[in-house]
Amino acid sequence: MAAAADLAFDPWDPAFVADPYPAYAGLRAHGRVIRYEPTDQWLVPHHADVSALLRDRRLGRTYRHRFSHEEFGRTPPPAEHEPFHTLNDHGMLDLEPPDHTRIRRLVSKAFTPRTVERLKPYVHELADGLVAGLVEAGGGDLLADVAEPLPVAVIAEMLGIPEADRAQLRPWSADICGMYELNPSEETAARAVRASVEFSGYLRELIAARRAEPGDDLISGLIAAHDEGDRLTEQEMVSTAVLLLNAGHEATVNATANGWWALFRHPDQLAALRADHSLVPSAVEELLRYDTPLQLFERWVLDDVEIDGTTVPRGSEIALLFGSANHDPAVFTDPGRLDLTRRDNPHISFSAGIHYCIGAPLARIELAASMKALLDRAPALTLAAEPERRPNFVMRGLRGLAVEVR
């Protein structure tokens, strides 16, 4: 069996991070499951397998609801990382039923189709204002000036975080999300721990303020649900708020910047979009597929799983390669081609199964709103400089995207 490294899969190589898609083709050609020793994981590169395993209850985001670390053959995380793990492990993304079901049921009330639809005018107004500022300045950093502030403002508004406090949110989020990369360094872990302590402390103070004076926001709603008998510990409230903020903007920010960078590299597609704004909905889906913001999603094997004759034993970790699945020619015709008119587009950028992104409808509204505003207000938007990629593999994004408005 060839090693994944022999197939050019190297998540720490800048050349791979810049363009992992050719290496994914090699993985898919090699097989349906590949052992990767550097991260002690099994890589799954095919769309059909990724989609099925996202729904397979023999896998879980955690194993602690069934096993101790020792029973599962895993070493407990270092004690000095405890603040990060306490914060992370009480969010619904890293829980399994029944805790996941209980928390998701409460949070989903804030993400009903009707609620999300009511946010549309607010999102479009925000997007228009941000793009107007970019146009007035004659250009700037599309990531920092539009892609980032839009989803941060929306989720902060939903949570009830005062506007004066919102500047802290993105740095905290970035430091925490560093721990989701493969084999994070001790320096990355230290930043994540510090951000976890600071962010948790801030939210505990905000929860106390909302208990004393409830508002029309999600944190107040979670407190009310707790008081009415739907039990949610304070730690679960804190972890849920952090998860919603991180997940509620991280992918949208990267999808926006990745998407426009892809459009600038495909001027024929950008010209078609500028000529026909009705392509915006399908363009959003195609850009999410073409350069996937979340490249990898990890699951623990709770009971042995057989994939194409290979038994992946209990205690293993499986890495579901979203970016590879979204370029699988068994599902997508000519997957390496950017096609904004693509209709048959079952990408899995928002995951699937019980951990399907609860905020996907809102993310789609945000992505469409910023795209529409840029098409309307900056029809001659051009790239000002070649962007630099962030070194991250799992959360794929740019450091910035310099543009000019002529």
Protein backbone atom coordinates (compact mmCIF):
# COMPACT_ATOMS: atom_id res chain seq x y z
CA MET A 1 0.00 0.00 0.00
CA ALA A 2 1.43 3.39 -0.98
CA ALA A 3 1.71 5.96 1.79
CA ALA A 4 -0.33 9.13 1.55
CA ALA A 5 2.95 11.06 1.55
CA ASP A 6 3.96 9.21 -1.64
CA LEU A 7 0.75 10.51 -3.21
CA ALA A 8 1.73 14.16 -2.58
CA PHE A 9 -0.64 14.60 0.37
CA ASP A 10 1.30 16.91 2.68
CA PRO A 11 -0.84 19.40 4.65
CA TRP A 12 2.27 21.29 5.85
CA ASP A 13 3.73 21.87 2.38
CA PRO A 14 2.93 25.41 1.11
CA ALA A 15 2.70 24.09 -2.46
CA PHE A 16 0.09 21.53 -1.41
CA VAL A 17 -1.85 24.10 0.62
CA ALA A 18 -1.82 26.45 -2.38
CA ASP A 19 -3.50 23.80 -4.54
CA PRO A 20 -4.38 20.46 -2.90
CA TYR A 21 -6.74 19.32 -5.65
CA PRO A 22 -4.21 17.47 -7.87
CA ALA A 23 -3.04 15.49 -4.81
CA TYR A 24 -6.65 14.61 -4.03
CA ALA A 25 -6.97 13.07 -7.50
CA GLY A 26 -4.01 10.85 -6.61
CA LEU A 27 -5.65 9.81 -3.34
CA ARG A 28 -8.92 8.96 -5.07
CA ALA A 29 -7.07 6.92 -7.69
CA HIS A 30 -5.20 5.05 -4.97
CA GLY A 31 -8.24 3.87 -3.04
CA ARG A 32 -11.19 4.61 -0.82
CA VAL A 33 -9.34 4.76 2.50
CA ILE A 34 -5.65 5.54 3.04
CA ARG A 35 -3.67 5.33 6.27
CA TYR A 36 -1.78 8.55 7.04
CA GLU A 37 0.83 8.03 9.74
CA PRO A 38 1.87 11.70 10.35
CA THR A 39 -1.54 12.50 11.85
CA ASP A 40 -2.49 8.94 12.88
CA GLN A 41 -5.63 9.13 10.70
CA TRP A 42 -7.42 7.31 7.90
CA LEU A 43 -8.06 9.58 4.91
CA VAL A 44 -11.33 9.19 3.00
CA PRO A 45 -11.26 11.03 -0.36
CA HIS A 46 -14.36 9.87 -2.31
CA HIS A 47 -17.68 11.73 -2.28
CA ALA A 48 -19.86 8.63 -1.79
CA ASP A 49 -17.83 7.45 1.22
CA VAL A 50 -17.57 10.90 2.80
CA SER A 51 -21.31 11.43 2.42
CA ALA A 52 -22.15 7.99 3.86
CA LEU A 53 -19.74 8.23 6.79
CA LEU A 54 -21.10 11.65 7.79
CA ARG A 55 -24.39 9.83 8.44
CA ASP A 56 -22.91 6.66 9.96
CA ARG A 57 -23.68 6.37 13.67
CA ARG A 58 -20.67 4.06 14.15
CA LEU A 59 -18.64 7.26 13.94
CA GLY A 60 -18.84 10.23 16.27
CA ARG A 61 -17.36 13.66 16.86
CA THR A 62 -16.58 12.48 20.39
CA TYR A 63 -16.12 9.13 22.08
CA ARG A 64 -16.44 10.36 25.67
CA HIS A 65 -20.17 9.55 25.82
CA ARG A 66 -19.23 5.86 25.49
CA PHE A 67 -15.60 5.42 26.51
CA SER A 68 -12.92 6.86 28.73
CA HIS A 69 -9.70 7.98 27.08
CA GLU A 70 -8.02 4.80 28.34
CA GLU A 71 -10.81 2.48 27.14
CA PHE A 72 -10.60 4.08 23.70
CA GLY A 73 -6.84 3.74 23.55
CA ARG A 74 -6.25 7.49 23.51
CA THR A 75 -4.04 9.72 25.64
CA PRO A 76 -5.92 12.48 27.49
CA PRO A 77 -5.05 15.99 26.30
CA PRO A 78 -2.40 17.86 28.33
CA ALA A 79 -3.74 19.49 31.50
CA GLU A 80 -2.56 22.91 30.34
CA HIS A 81 -4.92 22.65 27.32
CA GLU A 82 -7.96 22.08 29.55
CA PRO A 83 -9.62 25.51 29.03
CA PHE A 84 -9.73 24.95 25.28
CA HIS A 85 -11.10 21.42 25.57
CA THR A 86 -13.71 22.42 28.16
CA LEU A 87 -14.93 25.14 25.82
CA ASN A 88 -14.76 23.02 22.67
CA ASP A 89 -16.15 19.77 24.08
CA HIS A 90 -19.39 21.32 25.36
CA GLY A 91 -20.41 22.75 21.98
CA MET A 92 -22.92 20.75 19.97
CA LEU A 93 -20.49 20.17 17.07
CA ASP A 94 -18.38 17.99 19.36
CA LEU A 95 -21.24 16.26 21.14
CA GLU A 96 -23.31 13.23 20.21
CA PRO A 97 -26.93 12.39 21.13
CA PRO A 98 -28.63 12.85 23.51
CA ASP A 99 -26.68 16.03 24.47
CA HIS A 100 -26.25 17.08 20.84
CA THR A 101 -29.98 16.62 20.17
CA ARG A 102 -30.98 18.66 23.23
CA ILE A 103 -28.72 21.63 22.45
CA ARG A 104 -29.38 21.64 18.69
CA ARG A 105 -33.14 21.63 19.31
CA LEU A 106 -32.83 24.80 21.39
CA VAL A 107 -30.44 26.58 19.02
CA SER A 108 -32.41 25.62 15.91
CA LYS A 109 -35.25 27.90 17.04
CA ALA A 110 -33.02 30.84 16.12
CA PHE A 111 -32.31 29.39 12.67
CA THR A 112 -35.79 28.51 11.42
CA PRO A 113 -36.41 29.40 7.75
CA ARG A 114 -38.77 32.18 8.84
CA THR A 115 -36.22 33.68 11.26
CA VAL A 116 -33.41 33.54 8.72
CA GLU A 117 -35.64 35.04 6.02
CA ARG A 118 -36.42 37.96 8.34
CA LEU A 119 -32.68 38.68 8.56
CA LYS A 120 -32.36 39.18 4.79
CA PRO A 121 -33.00 42.97 4.72
CA TYR A 122 -30.51 43.49 7.59
CA VAL A 123 -27.85 41.37 5.84
CA HIS A 124 -28.32 43.14 2.50
CA GLU A 125 -28.19 46.56 4.17
CA LEU A 126 -24.94 45.63 5.93
CA ALA A 127 -23.41 44.27 2.73
CA ASP A 128 -24.38 47.38 0.76
CA GLY A 129 -22.85 49.65 3.40
CA LEU A 130 -19.59 47.71 3.53
CA VAL A 131 -19.25 47.63 -0.25
CA ALA A 132 -20.13 51.34 -0.46
CA GLY A 133 -17.19 52.04 1.86
CA LEU A 134 -14.89 49.94 -0.30
CA VAL A 135 -16.02 51.81 -3.44
CA GLU A 136 -15.63 55.21 -1.80
CA ALA A 137 -12.05 54.32 -0.83
CA GLY A 138 -11.30 53.23 -4.38
CA GLY A 139 -10.55 49.71 -3.20
CA GLY A 140 -8.93 47.98 -0.26
CA ASP A 141 -8.80 44.52 1.26
CA LEU A 142 -11.94 42.66 0.22
CA LEU A 143 -11.40 40.17 3.04
CA ALA A 144 -10.94 42.68 5.86
CA ASP A 145 -13.35 45.32 4.53
CA VAL A 146 -16.29 43.16 3.38
CA ALA A 147 -15.89 39.38 3.80
CA GLU A 148 -14.98 39.52 7.49
CA PRO A 149 -17.18 42.22 9.05
CA LEU A 150 -20.43 41.06 7.42
CA PRO A 151 -20.90 37.59 8.99
CA VAL A 152 -19.27 38.68 12.27
CA ALA A 153 -21.81 41.50 12.60
CA VAL A 154 -24.74 39.22 11.74
CA ILE A 155 -23.93 36.46 14.22
CA ALA A 156 -22.94 38.98 16.91
CA GLU A 157 -26.29 40.71 16.41
CA MET A 158 -28.11 37.38 16.74
CA LEU A 159 -26.23 36.53 19.93
CA GLY A 160 -26.75 40.00 21.38
CA ILE A 161 -23.08 40.99 21.64
CA PRO A 162 -22.81 44.80 21.95
CA GLU A 163 -21.27 46.52 18.94
CA ALA A 164 -18.47 48.03 21.04
CA ASP A 165 -17.26 44.52 21.99
CA ARG A 166 -17.26 42.97 18.52
CA ALA A 167 -13.69 43.84 17.55
CA GLN A 168 -12.46 41.20 20.02
CA LEU A 169 -14.45 38.39 18.44
CA ARG A 170 -12.45 37.72 15.28
CA PRO A 171 -9.01 37.50 17.02
CA TRP A 172 -10.43 35.16 19.68
CA SER A 173 -12.04 33.03 17.00
CA ALA A 174 -8.88 32.86 14.88
CA ASP A 175 -6.79 31.73 17.85
CA ILE A 176 -9.32 29.07 18.90
CA CYS A 177 -9.71 27.77 15.35
CA GLY A 178 -5.96 27.25 15.12
CA MET A 179 -6.47 24.10 17.20
CA TYR A 180 -8.54 22.53 14.42
CA GLU A 181 -5.52 22.27 12.16
CA LEU A 182 -3.58 19.00 11.95
CA ASN A 183 -0.98 18.54 14.71
CA PRO A 184 -1.14 22.12 16.06
CA SER A 185 2.04 23.46 17.66
CA GLU A 186 2.39 24.27 21.35
CA GLU A 187 2.42 27.97 20.44
CA THR A 188 -0.91 27.53 18.61
CA ALA A 189 -2.30 25.63 21.60
CA ALA A 190 -1.18 28.36 24.02
CA ARG A 191 -2.96 31.03 21.94
CA ALA A 192 -6.10 28.88 21.78
CA VAL A 193 -6.07 28.35 25.55
CA ARG A 194 -5.63 32.07 26.22
CA ALA A 195 -8.45 32.95 23.80
CA SER A 196 -10.69 30.27 25.35
CA VAL A 197 -10.19 31.72 28.83
CA GLU A 198 -10.77 35.31 27.69
CA PHE A 199 -13.75 34.55 25.46
CA SER A 200 -15.38 32.33 28.10
CA GLY A 201 -14.91 35.00 30.77
CA TYR A 202 -16.45 37.64 28.52
CA LEU A 203 -19.48 35.45 27.73
CA ARG A 204 -20.07 34.54 31.38
CA GLU A 205 -20.28 38.26 32.16
CA LEU A 206 -22.64 38.78 29.22
CA ILE A 207 -24.84 35.86 30.33
CA ALA A 208 -25.03 37.36 33.84
CA ALA A 209 -26.05 40.72 32.32
CA ARG A 210 -28.75 39.04 30.18
CA ARG A 211 -30.10 37.17 33.21
CA ALA A 212 -30.54 40.51 34.94
CA GLU A 213 -31.88 42.27 31.86
CA PRO A 214 -33.03 39.92 29.05
CA GLY A 215 -33.02 41.11 25.46
CA ASP A 216 -34.38 39.91 22.13
CA ASP A 217 -31.32 37.80 21.31
CA LEU A 218 -30.18 34.20 21.25
CA ILE A 219 -28.30 34.26 24.56
CA SER A 220 -31.39 35.60 26.31
CA GLY A 221 -33.40 32.89 24.56
CA LEU A 222 -31.11 30.14 25.81
CA ILE A 223 -31.34 31.50 29.35
CA ALA A 224 -35.15 31.57 29.10
CA ALA A 225 -35.23 28.02 27.77
CA HIS A 226 -33.10 26.89 30.72
CA ASP A 227 -35.40 28.62 33.18
CA GLU A 228 -38.42 26.96 31.54
CA GLY A 229 -36.98 23.48 32.04
CA ASP A 230 -34.89 22.84 28.90
CA ARG A 231 -31.69 22.23 30.82
CA LEU A 232 -28.62 23.96 29.46
CA THR A 233 -25.64 24.44 31.76
CA GLU A 234 -23.83 27.75 31.75
CA GLN A 235 -20.83 26.01 30.18
CA GLU A 236 -23.07 24.72 27.39
CA MET A 237 -24.36 28.26 26.83
CA VAL A 238 -20.82 29.62 26.64
CA SER A 239 -19.63 26.83 24.33
CA THR A 240 -22.69 27.19 22.11
CA ALA A 241 -22.17 30.93 21.74
CA VAL A 242 -18.50 30.45 20.83
CA LEU A 243 -19.33 27.69 18.35
CA LEU A 244 -22.01 29.81 16.67
CA LEU A 245 -19.66 32.74 16.38
CA ASN A 246 -16.74 30.67 15.05
CA ALA A 247 -18.77 28.51 12.69
CA GLY A 248 -21.06 31.42 11.85
CA HIS A 249 -18.35 33.46 10.21
CA GLU A 250 -15.16 31.47 9.65
CA ALA A 251 -16.41 29.48 6.64
CA THR A 252 -18.31 32.46 5.20
CA VAL A 253 -15.26 34.73 5.37
CA ASN A 254 -13.08 32.15 3.63
CA ALA A 255 -15.75 31.24 1.08
CA THR A 256 -16.10 34.91 0.11
CA ALA A 257 -12.36 35.52 -0.33
CA ASN A 258 -11.68 32.12 -1.95
CA GLY A 259 -14.65 32.69 -4.24
CA TRP A 260 -13.59 36.11 -5.51
CA TRP A 261 -10.02 34.93 -5.97
CA ALA A 262 -11.40 32.08 -8.12
CA LEU A 263 -13.52 34.55 -10.10
CA PHE A 264 -10.54 36.80 -10.79
CA ARG A 265 -8.65 33.75 -12.10
CA HIS A 266 -11.58 32.86 -14.39
CA PRO A 267 -12.46 36.14 -16.12
CA ASP A 268 -14.94 34.43 -18.47
CA GLN A 269 -17.00 33.25 -15.50
CA LEU A 270 -16.77 36.65 -13.82
CA ALA A 271 -17.91 38.33 -17.02
CA ALA A 272 -20.88 35.96 -17.28
CA LEU A 273 -21.83 36.72 -13.67
CA ARG A 274 -21.58 40.46 -14.23
CA ALA A 275 -23.78 40.14 -17.31
CA ASP A 276 -26.42 38.03 -15.56
CA HIS A 277 -26.94 38.56 -11.83
CA SER A 278 -29.53 35.76 -11.76
CA LEU A 279 -26.51 33.43 -11.67
CA VAL A 280 -25.71 34.52 -8.08
CA PRO A 281 -27.44 31.55 -6.32
CA SER A 282 -25.75 28.90 -8.48
CA ALA A 283 -22.47 30.87 -8.35
CA VAL A 284 -22.51 30.71 -4.54
CA GLU A 285 -22.94 26.92 -4.62
CA GLU A 286 -20.27 26.42 -7.29
CA LEU A 287 -17.71 28.58 -5.48
CA LEU A 288 -18.35 26.66 -2.24
CA ARG A 289 -17.64 23.46 -4.18
CA TYR A 290 -14.75 24.68 -6.29
CA ASP A 291 -12.53 25.91 -3.43
CA THR A 292 -13.99 24.38 -0.28
CA PRO A 293 -13.51 26.53 2.86
CA LEU A 294 -13.48 23.49 5.22
CA GLN A 295 -11.21 20.89 3.67
CA LEU A 296 -11.35 18.19 6.31
CA PHE A 297 -13.79 16.98 8.98
CA GLU A 298 -12.70 14.48 11.62
CA ARG A 299 -14.72 11.63 13.14
CA TRP A 300 -13.85 8.97 15.73
CA VAL A 301 -14.55 5.31 14.96
CA LEU A 302 -16.79 4.09 17.80
CA ASP A 303 -17.31 0.62 16.29
CA ASP A 304 -15.26 -1.09 13.59
CA VAL A 305 -16.04 0.18 10.09
CA GLU A 306 -15.22 -1.64 6.85
CA ILE A 307 -14.42 0.48 3.80
CA ASP A 308 -13.72 -1.33 0.54
CA GLY A 309 -12.46 -4.44 2.33
CA THR A 310 -10.31 -2.52 4.83
CA THR A 311 -11.38 -2.64 8.47
CA VAL A 312 -10.86 0.67 10.26
CA PRO A 313 -10.83 -0.38 13.92
CA ARG A 314 -12.56 1.20 16.89
CA GLY A 315 -10.38 3.92 18.40
CA SER A 316 -9.21 5.20 15.02
CA GLU A 317 -9.74 8.69 13.68
CA ILE A 318 -11.11 9.19 10.17
CA ALA A 319 -10.40 12.37 8.18
CA LEU A 320 -13.20 13.04 5.72
CA LEU A 321 -11.72 15.10 2.89
CA PHE A 322 -14.45 17.55 1.89
CA GLY A 323 -12.24 19.26 -0.68
CA SER A 324 -11.52 15.97 -2.42
CA ALA A 325 -15.16 14.85 -2.29
CA ASN A 326 -16.20 18.12 -3.92
CA HIS A 327 -13.85 17.39 -6.84
CA ASP A 328 -14.81 13.74 -7.31
CA PRO A 329 -15.43 13.09 -11.04
CA ALA A 330 -17.80 10.26 -10.11
CA VAL A 331 -20.23 12.97 -8.94
CA PHE A 332 -19.20 16.21 -10.68
CA THR A 333 -18.71 16.51 -14.43
CA ASP A 334 -15.30 18.06 -15.14
CA PRO A 335 -14.80 18.93 -11.45
CA GLY A 336 -11.67 21.02 -12.03
CA ARG A 337 -13.64 23.49 -14.16
CA LEU A 338 -15.34 26.47 -12.51
CA ASP A 339 -18.87 26.54 -13.93
CA LEU A 340 -21.23 29.06 -12.36
CA THR A 341 -24.15 27.54 -14.28
CA ARG A 342 -23.58 24.07 -12.76
CA ARG A 343 -26.98 22.71 -11.74
CA ASP A 344 -26.24 19.22 -10.44
CA ASN A 345 -24.09 20.29 -7.50
CA PRO A 346 -24.43 18.08 -4.39
CA HIS A 347 -21.35 19.53 -2.67
CA ILE A 348 -20.82 18.73 0.98
CA SER A 349 -19.23 22.01 2.07
CA PHE A 350 -21.83 22.29 4.85
CA SER A 351 -21.32 18.66 5.97
CA ALA A 352 -24.25 16.23 6.31
CA GLY A 353 -26.09 14.09 8.85
CA ILE A 354 -26.78 15.30 12.38
CA HIS A 355 -23.85 17.72 12.18
CA TYR A 356 -25.07 19.44 9.01
CA CYS A 357 -24.34 23.15 9.40
CA ILE A 358 -27.28 24.70 11.22
CA GLY A 359 -26.36 28.10 9.80
CA ALA A 360 -26.13 27.04 6.13
CA PRO A 361 -29.24 29.00 5.04
CA LEU A 362 -27.88 32.15 6.71
CA ALA A 363 -24.42 31.63 5.19
CA ARG A 364 -25.98 31.38 1.74
CA ILE A 365 -27.84 34.66 2.30
CA GLU A 366 -24.64 36.38 3.44
CA LEU A 367 -22.59 35.08 0.51
CA ALA A 368 -25.26 36.09 -2.00
CA ALA A 369 -25.72 39.52 -0.38
CA SER A 370 -22.02 40.45 -0.52
CA MET A 371 -21.70 39.11 -4.07
CA LYS A 372 -24.77 41.04 -5.26
CA ALA A 373 -23.56 44.24 -3.59
CA LEU A 374 -20.13 43.94 -5.22
CA LEU A 375 -21.66 43.24 -8.63
CA ASP A 376 -24.04 46.21 -8.31
CA ARG A 377 -21.75 48.80 -6.75
CA ALA A 378 -18.34 47.74 -8.07
CA PRO A 379 -18.91 46.31 -11.55
CA ALA A 380 -15.31 47.06 -12.52
CA LEU A 381 -13.73 45.50 -9.42
CA THR A 382 -10.21 44.25 -10.22
CA LEU A 383 -7.48 42.40 -8.40
CA ALA A 384 -4.76 44.76 -7.15
CA ALA A 385 -2.17 42.18 -6.08
CA GLU A 386 -1.67 38.44 -6.02
CA PRO A 387 -3.05 37.24 -2.66
CA GLU A 388 -1.09 35.23 -0.12
CA ARG A 389 -2.64 32.03 1.23
CA ARG A 390 -2.83 31.37 4.92
CA PRO A 391 -0.69 28.35 5.84
CA ASN A 392 -3.73 26.55 7.23
CA PHE A 393 -4.91 23.42 5.47
CA VAL A 394 -8.13 22.47 7.29
CA MET A 395 -9.67 25.95 7.18
CA ARG A 396 -8.69 27.13 3.73
CA GLY A 397 -8.40 30.85 3.26
CA LEU A 398 -6.37 33.89 2.26
CA ARG A 399 -4.47 36.42 4.36
CA GLY A 400 -6.15 39.18 2.36
CA LEU A 401 -7.48 40.05 -1.09
CA ALA A 402 -6.37 43.48 -2.36
CA VAL A 403 -8.77 44.98 -4.91
CA GLU A 404 -9.25 48.22 -6.83
CA VAL A 405 -12.51 49.87 -7.81
CA ARG A 406 -12.11 51.80 -11.03
